[in-house]
Amino acid sequence: MPSLQERLDSIFRDVLPVEHESDGAITVHHDGTFASLRVVNIAEDLDLVSLTQIVAWDLPLTKKISDRVAKQAHDSNFGTVTLVEKDRGKTRKTADVMQRYNFPGAGLTDDALRTLILLVLDAGAQLRHALVS
């Protein structure tokens, strides 16, 4: 029986571009965003799928962007939306926006696993469009 990490790889092979990372994770690209998917064993028989999606990067850090991210985070159905501040010197501050979602993957069929992950990725893509358009 394939491991959960192997299942992640196989269910996306024909759906999204998949890159294999040296630590065993996979990276998928979806609608202008990219996400790392890895399996984390929390306890015996409890494996979580950990999804970290980079939604937007190098956004000018303004009140308008901060307010948009806060609204999107409040309205999010999946995981946590985070604004990561980056200091580019005294006059320029930028930020990246990430979405994180962790869930138990055991017991889900391949179709259910793929559908859930695609729903999360699409929510991140919609967040991106709300921030950069």
Protein backbone atom coordinates (compact mmCIF):
# COMPACT_ATOMS: atom_id res chain seq x y z
CA MET A 1 0.00 0.00 0.00
CA PRO A 2 1.48 3.40 -0.97
CA SER A 3 2.30 5.91 1.75
CA LEU A 4 0.25 9.08 2.06
CA GLN A 5 3.15 11.09 0.59
CA GLU A 6 3.29 8.73 -2.42
CA ARG A 7 -0.46 9.08 -2.84
CA LEU A 8 -0.14 12.89 -2.92
CA ASP A 9 2.37 12.60 -5.71
CA SER A 10 0.27 10.19 -7.75
CA ILE A 11 -3.06 12.03 -7.41
CA PHE A 12 -1.61 15.26 -8.79
CA ARG A 13 0.69 13.87 -11.45
CA ASP A 14 -1.92 14.35 -14.22
CA VAL A 15 -3.66 17.39 -12.71
CA LEU A 16 -1.04 19.97 -11.73
CA PRO A 17 2.69 20.45 -12.33
CA VAL A 18 4.50 18.59 -9.53
CA GLU A 19 8.07 19.13 -8.38
CA HIS A 20 9.77 16.74 -5.98
CA GLU A 21 11.71 18.36 -3.16
CA SER A 22 14.84 16.86 -1.57
CA ASP A 23 13.05 16.44 1.79
CA GLY A 24 10.26 14.32 0.25
CA ALA A 25 7.68 17.09 -0.06
CA ILE A 26 6.08 17.99 -3.36
CA THR A 27 5.49 21.45 -4.74
CA VAL A 28 2.45 22.13 -6.92
CA HIS A 29 1.58 25.23 -8.91
CA HIS A 30 -1.98 26.50 -9.16
CA ASP A 31 -3.31 29.70 -10.74
CA GLY A 32 -0.34 31.96 -10.00
CA THR A 33 0.42 30.41 -6.61
CA PHE A 34 2.58 27.54 -5.47
CA ALA A 35 2.28 25.20 -2.52
CA SER A 36 4.35 22.70 -0.60
CA LEU A 37 2.59 19.49 0.41
CA ARG A 38 4.19 17.17 2.91
CA VAL A 39 3.06 14.47 5.25
CA VAL A 40 3.89 14.90 8.93
CA ASN A 41 3.51 12.01 11.34
CA ILE A 42 2.07 13.38 14.59
CA ALA A 43 1.54 10.07 16.39
CA GLU A 44 1.14 6.43 15.55
CA ASP A 45 -1.56 6.16 12.87
CA LEU A 46 -1.95 9.95 12.69
CA ASP A 47 -0.44 11.49 9.56
CA LEU A 48 -1.30 15.08 8.70
CA VAL A 49 -1.09 16.61 5.27
CA SER A 50 0.64 19.95 5.73
CA LEU A 51 -0.10 22.43 2.94
CA THR A 52 1.72 25.77 2.80
CA GLN A 53 0.67 27.94 -0.14
CA ILE A 54 2.53 31.08 -1.15
CA VAL A 55 -0.32 33.30 -2.26
CA ALA A 56 1.48 36.59 -3.02
CA TRP A 57 4.97 37.92 -2.52
CA ASP A 58 6.75 41.25 -2.42
CA LEU A 59 3.53 43.20 -1.99
CA PRO A 60 4.01 46.80 -0.89
CA LEU A 61 3.20 46.82 2.81
CA THR A 62 0.44 49.40 3.02
CA LYS A 63 -2.60 49.78 5.24
CA LYS A 64 -4.77 48.85 2.26
CA ILE A 65 -2.92 45.55 1.76
CA SER A 66 -2.94 44.80 5.50
CA ASP A 67 -6.68 45.46 5.65
CA ARG A 68 -7.33 43.25 2.60
CA VAL A 69 -5.32 40.40 4.09
CA ALA A 70 -7.11 40.75 7.43
CA LYS A 71 -10.51 40.60 5.70
CA GLN A 72 -9.50 37.59 3.62
CA ALA A 73 -8.10 35.83 6.70
CA HIS A 74 -11.36 36.46 8.54
CA ASP A 75 -13.41 35.11 5.64
CA SER A 76 -11.18 32.09 4.98
CA ASN A 77 -12.69 28.63 5.23
CA PHE A 78 -9.37 26.80 5.10
CA GLY A 79 -6.53 27.12 7.55
CA THR A 80 -4.63 30.24 8.42
CA VAL A 81 -3.77 33.23 6.26
CA THR A 82 -0.59 35.01 7.31
CA LEU A 83 1.03 38.28 6.28
CA VAL A 84 4.81 38.07 6.61
CA GLU A 85 6.49 41.46 6.80
CA LYS A 86 9.88 41.94 5.12
CA ASP A 87 12.10 44.93 5.72
CA ARG A 88 13.77 46.09 2.50
CA GLY A 89 15.48 49.07 4.01
CA LYS A 90 14.34 52.27 5.64
CA THR A 91 12.01 53.38 2.88
CA ARG A 92 10.57 50.16 1.50
CA LYS A 93 8.67 47.47 3.32
CA THR A 94 7.08 44.54 1.56
CA ALA A 95 5.14 41.48 2.60
CA ASP A 96 4.41 37.94 1.51
CA VAL A 97 1.06 36.26 2.07
CA MET A 98 0.77 32.57 2.90
CA GLN A 99 -2.07 30.18 3.52
CA ARG A 100 -1.48 27.15 5.74
CA TYR A 101 -3.80 24.20 6.16
CA ASN A 102 -3.19 20.92 7.99
CA PHE A 103 -5.57 17.97 8.04
CA PRO A 104 -5.51 14.22 8.67
CA GLY A 105 -5.14 12.40 5.38
CA ALA A 106 -5.74 8.79 6.38
CA GLY A 107 -9.09 7.34 5.43
CA LEU A 108 -9.67 9.72 2.52
CA THR A 109 -9.99 8.19 -0.92
CA ASP A 110 -7.69 9.55 -3.62
CA ASP A 111 -10.60 11.48 -5.16
CA ALA A 112 -11.58 13.00 -1.80
CA LEU A 113 -7.96 13.89 -0.99
CA ARG A 114 -7.45 15.52 -4.40
CA THR A 115 -10.76 17.43 -4.15
CA LEU A 116 -10.01 18.76 -0.66
CA ILE A 117 -6.53 19.93 -1.64
CA LEU A 118 -7.81 21.54 -4.85
CA LEU A 119 -10.46 23.41 -2.82
CA VAL A 120 -7.75 24.77 -0.51
CA LEU A 121 -5.47 25.70 -3.44
CA ASP A 122 -8.34 27.44 -5.21
CA ALA A 123 -9.17 29.42 -2.06
CA GLY A 124 -5.55 30.58 -2.03
CA ALA A 125 -5.75 31.54 -5.70
CA GLN A 126 -8.90 33.54 -5.05
CA LEU A 127 -7.09 35.25 -2.17
CA ARG A 128 -4.26 36.11 -4.55
CA HIS A 129 -6.67 37.66 -7.04
CA ALA A 130 -8.27 39.74 -4.27
CA LEU A 131 -4.85 41.06 -3.23
CA VAL A 132 -3.10 41.72 -6.51
CA SER A 133 -5.94 42.89 -8.74
